[in-house]
């Protein structure tokens, strides 16, 4: 059974960068679409970016387009979220999620995903 573990969160100043990792275990991520989501207490979970199983198709949300980049490394069975030009509004718990798929697709709809990690806190503050 697939398990996902996020890491790389922390405290960073506005304008800084962080790279989050989503490591898979139990199954290879090569057959899975992966999404990154974030959630602030009291608010709904928001889709940040996703990547198809091939790695060719990526879909960042409008709020992070041009600042965040999603990528995957099959050899390490890991998906990354490179976050640059961070803003205080990016503060949240970040989750990765996976869904097996035969097609080269992904979505920012959280209900589509089947397996979730435990989350990692990102705080952007001076």
C-alpha atoms as a PDB file:
ATOM      1  CA  UNK A   1       0.000   0.000   0.000  1.00  0.00           C
ATOM      2  CA  UNK A   2       1.274   3.437  -0.904  1.00  0.00           C
ATOM      3  CA  UNK A   3       2.341   5.799   1.857  1.00  0.00           C
ATOM      4  CA  UNK A   4       3.361   9.420   1.380  1.00  0.00           C
ATOM      5  CA  UNK A   5       5.622  11.472   3.640  1.00  0.00           C
ATOM      6  CA  UNK A   6       6.101  15.218   3.206  1.00  0.00           C
ATOM      7  CA  UNK A   7       9.173  17.067   4.410  1.00  0.00           C
ATOM      8  CA  UNK A   8      10.987  20.351   3.889  1.00  0.00           C
ATOM      9  CA  UNK A   9       8.618  22.737   5.600  1.00  0.00           C
ATOM     10  CA  UNK A  10       9.740  25.408   8.040  1.00  0.00           C
ATOM     11  CA  UNK A  11       9.946  29.110   8.779  1.00  0.00           C
ATOM     12  CA  UNK A  12      11.123  31.410   6.010  1.00  0.00           C
ATOM     13  CA  UNK A  13      11.151  35.161   5.477  1.00  0.00           C
ATOM     14  CA  UNK A  14       9.018  36.795   2.789  1.00  0.00           C
ATOM     15  CA  UNK A  15      10.743  36.518  -0.559  1.00  0.00           C
ATOM     16  CA  UNK A  16      12.549  33.363   0.479  1.00  0.00           C
ATOM     17  CA  UNK A  17      12.421  29.831  -0.898  1.00  0.00           C
ATOM     18  CA  UNK A  18      11.682  26.337   0.302  1.00  0.00           C
ATOM     19  CA  UNK A  19      11.593  22.963  -1.399  1.00  0.00           C
ATOM     20  CA  UNK A  20       9.045  20.464  -0.188  1.00  0.00           C
ATOM     21  CA  UNK A  21       9.459  16.752  -0.799  1.00  0.00           C
ATOM     22  CA  UNK A  22       6.795  14.073  -1.059  1.00  0.00           C
ATOM     23  CA  UNK A  23       8.413  10.666  -0.707  1.00  0.00           C
ATOM     24  CA  UNK A  24       6.509   7.546  -1.630  1.00  0.00           C
ATOM     25  CA  UNK A  25       6.958   4.128  -0.057  1.00  0.00           C
ATOM     26  CA  UNK A  26       5.300   0.791  -0.599  1.00  0.00           C
ATOM     27  CA  UNK A  27       4.602   1.506  -4.274  1.00  0.00           C
ATOM     28  CA  UNK A  28       6.356   3.276  -7.096  1.00  0.00           C
ATOM     29  CA  UNK A  29       4.935   6.720  -7.802  1.00  0.00           C
ATOM     30  CA  UNK A  30       5.389   6.222 -11.551  1.00  0.00           C
ATOM     31  CA  UNK A  31       1.748   5.182 -11.968  1.00  0.00           C
ATOM     32  CA  UNK A  32       0.352   7.993  -9.850  1.00  0.00           C
ATOM     33  CA  UNK A  33      -0.698  11.532 -10.479  1.00  0.00           C
ATOM     34  CA  UNK A  34       0.478  13.710  -7.590  1.00  0.00           C
ATOM     35  CA  UNK A  35      -1.041  16.873  -6.229  1.00  0.00           C
ATOM     36  CA  UNK A  36       0.135  19.402  -3.679  1.00  0.00           C
ATOM     37  CA  UNK A  37      -2.474  21.074  -1.494  1.00  0.00           C
ATOM     38  CA  UNK A  38      -2.422  23.493   1.409  1.00  0.00           C
ATOM     39  CA  UNK A  39      -4.752  24.297   4.241  1.00  0.00           C
ATOM     40  CA  UNK A  40      -5.072  27.061   6.789  1.00  0.00           C
ATOM     41  CA  UNK A  41      -7.102  26.333   9.951  1.00  0.00           C
ATOM     42  CA  UNK A  42     -10.740  27.155   9.403  1.00  0.00           C
ATOM     43  CA  UNK A  43     -10.435  27.214   5.625  1.00  0.00           C
ATOM     44  CA  UNK A  44     -10.927  24.666   2.870  1.00  0.00           C
ATOM     45  CA  UNK A  45      -8.019  22.735   1.460  1.00  0.00           C
ATOM     46  CA  UNK A  46      -6.666  24.517  -1.615  1.00  0.00           C
ATOM     47  CA  UNK A  47      -5.023  22.909  -4.636  1.00  0.00           C
ATOM     48  CA  UNK A  48      -1.558  24.313  -5.270  1.00  0.00           C
ATOM     49  CA  UNK A  49      -0.117  22.299  -8.128  1.00  0.00           C
ATOM     50  CA  UNK A  50      -0.263  18.856  -9.651  1.00  0.00           C
ATOM     51  CA  UNK A  51       1.823  16.700 -11.964  1.00  0.00           C
ATOM     52  CA  UNK A  52       0.793  13.838 -14.227  1.00  0.00           C
ATOM     53  CA  UNK A  53       2.374  10.411 -13.904  1.00  0.00           C
ATOM     54  CA  UNK A  54       4.579  11.100 -16.915  1.00  0.00           C
ATOM     55  CA  UNK A  55       5.820  14.352 -15.424  1.00  0.00           C
ATOM     56  CA  UNK A  56       5.080  16.148 -18.689  1.00  0.00           C
ATOM     57  CA  UNK A  57       1.869  17.851 -17.581  1.00  0.00           C
ATOM     58  CA  UNK A  58       1.807  20.213 -14.622  1.00  0.00           C
ATOM     59  CA  UNK A  59      -0.974  22.534 -13.465  1.00  0.00           C
ATOM     60  CA  UNK A  60      -0.146  25.246 -10.957  1.00  0.00           C
ATOM     61  CA  UNK A  61      -2.931  27.270  -9.397  1.00  0.00           C
ATOM     62  CA  UNK A  62      -3.224  30.941 -10.335  1.00  0.00           C
ATOM     63  CA  UNK A  63      -2.080  31.963  -6.872  1.00  0.00           C
ATOM     64  CA  UNK A  64       1.320  30.247  -7.256  1.00  0.00           C
ATOM     65  CA  UNK A  65       1.888  30.353 -11.014  1.00  0.00           C
ATOM     66  CA  UNK A  66       5.354  31.676 -11.782  1.00  0.00           C
ATOM     67  CA  UNK A  67       6.540  31.120  -8.202  1.00  0.00           C
ATOM     68  CA  UNK A  68       6.070  27.397  -7.460  1.00  0.00           C
ATOM     69  CA  UNK A  69       7.344  24.517  -9.587  1.00  0.00           C
ATOM     70  CA  UNK A  70       6.365  20.894  -9.233  1.00  0.00           C
ATOM     71  CA  UNK A  71       8.631  18.087 -10.441  1.00  0.00           C
ATOM     72  CA  UNK A  72       9.207  14.390  -9.919  1.00  0.00           C
ATOM     73  CA  UNK A  73      12.226  12.115  -9.620  1.00  0.00           C
ATOM     74  CA  UNK A  74      11.410   8.509 -10.396  1.00  0.00           C
ATOM     75  CA  UNK A  75      14.760   7.234  -9.162  1.00  0.00           C
ATOM     76  CA  UNK A  76      14.049   8.684  -5.722  1.00  0.00           C
ATOM     77  CA  UNK A  77      10.309   7.942  -5.837  1.00  0.00           C
ATOM     78  CA  UNK A  78       9.753  11.540  -4.809  1.00  0.00           C
ATOM     79  CA  UNK A  79       7.811  14.560  -5.984  1.00  0.00           C
ATOM     80  CA  UNK A  80       9.030  18.061  -5.206  1.00  0.00           C
ATOM     81  CA  UNK A  81       7.441  21.463  -4.829  1.00  0.00           C
ATOM     82  CA  UNK A  82       9.955  24.259  -5.280  1.00  0.00           C
ATOM     83  CA  UNK A  83       8.521  27.419  -3.745  1.00  0.00           C
ATOM     84  CA  UNK A  84      10.134  30.765  -4.553  1.00  0.00           C
ATOM     85  CA  UNK A  85       9.192  34.365  -3.761  1.00  0.00           C
ATOM     86  CA  UNK A  86       7.206  33.199  -0.776  1.00  0.00           C
ATOM     87  CA  UNK A  87       4.561  35.473   0.711  1.00  0.00           C
ATOM     88  CA  UNK A  88       2.894  35.491   4.133  1.00  0.00           C
ATOM     89  CA  UNK A  89      -0.295  34.286   2.400  1.00  0.00           C
ATOM     90  CA  UNK A  90       1.541  31.063   1.515  1.00  0.00           C
ATOM     91  CA  UNK A  91       1.588  30.113   5.195  1.00  0.00           C
ATOM     92  CA  UNK A  92      -0.267  26.815   5.593  1.00  0.00           C
ATOM     93  CA  UNK A  93       0.098  23.101   6.146  1.00  0.00           C
ATOM     94  CA  UNK A  94       1.108  21.573   2.834  1.00  0.00           C
ATOM     95  CA  UNK A  95      -0.040  18.091   1.839  1.00  0.00           C
ATOM     96  CA  UNK A  96       0.781  15.845  -1.075  1.00  0.00           C
ATOM     97  CA  UNK A  97      -1.723  13.378  -2.453  1.00  0.00           C
ATOM     98  CA  UNK A  98      -1.683  10.581  -5.012  1.00  0.00           C
ATOM     99  CA  UNK A  99      -4.055   8.763  -7.283  1.00  0.00           C
ATOM    100  CA  UNK A 100      -3.227   5.878  -9.624  1.00  0.00           C
ATOM    101  CA  UNK A 101      -4.174   6.664 -13.179  1.00  0.00           C
ATOM    102  CA  UNK A 102      -3.867   5.118 -16.618  1.00  0.00           C
ATOM    103  CA  UNK A 103      -4.062   8.513 -18.282  1.00  0.00           C
ATOM    104  CA  UNK A 104      -1.633  11.392 -18.248  1.00  0.00           C
ATOM    105  CA  UNK A 105      -3.796  13.702 -16.175  1.00  0.00           C
ATOM    106  CA  UNK A 106      -3.956  15.395 -12.815  1.00  0.00           C
ATOM    107  CA  UNK A 107      -6.299  17.817 -11.095  1.00  0.00           C
ATOM    108  CA  UNK A 108      -6.387  20.362  -8.291  1.00  0.00           C
ATOM    109  CA  UNK A 109      -9.614  18.838  -6.971  1.00  0.00           C
ATOM    110  CA  UNK A 110      -8.755  17.253  -3.640  1.00  0.00           C
ATOM    111  CA  UNK A 111     -11.621  14.724  -3.737  1.00  0.00           C
ATOM    112  CA  UNK A 112     -10.007  13.063  -6.755  1.00  0.00           C
ATOM    113  CA  UNK A 113      -7.013  11.835  -4.771  1.00  0.00           C
ATOM    114  CA  UNK A 114      -6.962   8.643  -2.732  1.00  0.00           C
ATOM    115  CA  UNK A 115      -3.783   8.679  -0.657  1.00  0.00           C
ATOM    116  CA  UNK A 116      -2.605  11.602   1.464  1.00  0.00           C
ATOM    117  CA  UNK A 117       0.484  12.426   3.470  1.00  0.00           C
ATOM    118  CA  UNK A 118       0.446  13.838   7.002  1.00  0.00           C
ATOM    119  CA  UNK A 119       1.416  17.376   5.967  1.00  0.00           C
ATOM    120  CA  UNK A 120       4.287  19.754   6.625  1.00  0.00           C
ATOM    121  CA  UNK A 121       3.994  23.263   8.047  1.00  0.00           C
ATOM    122  CA  UNK A 122       5.210  26.223   6.021  1.00  0.00           C
ATOM    123  CA  UNK A 123       5.348  29.596   7.762  1.00  0.00           C
ATOM    124  CA  UNK A 124       6.307  32.754   5.899  1.00  0.00           C
ATOM    125  CA  UNK A 125       7.011  35.563   8.313  1.00  0.00           C
ATOM    126  CA  UNK A 126       9.586  38.213   9.108  1.00  0.00           C
END
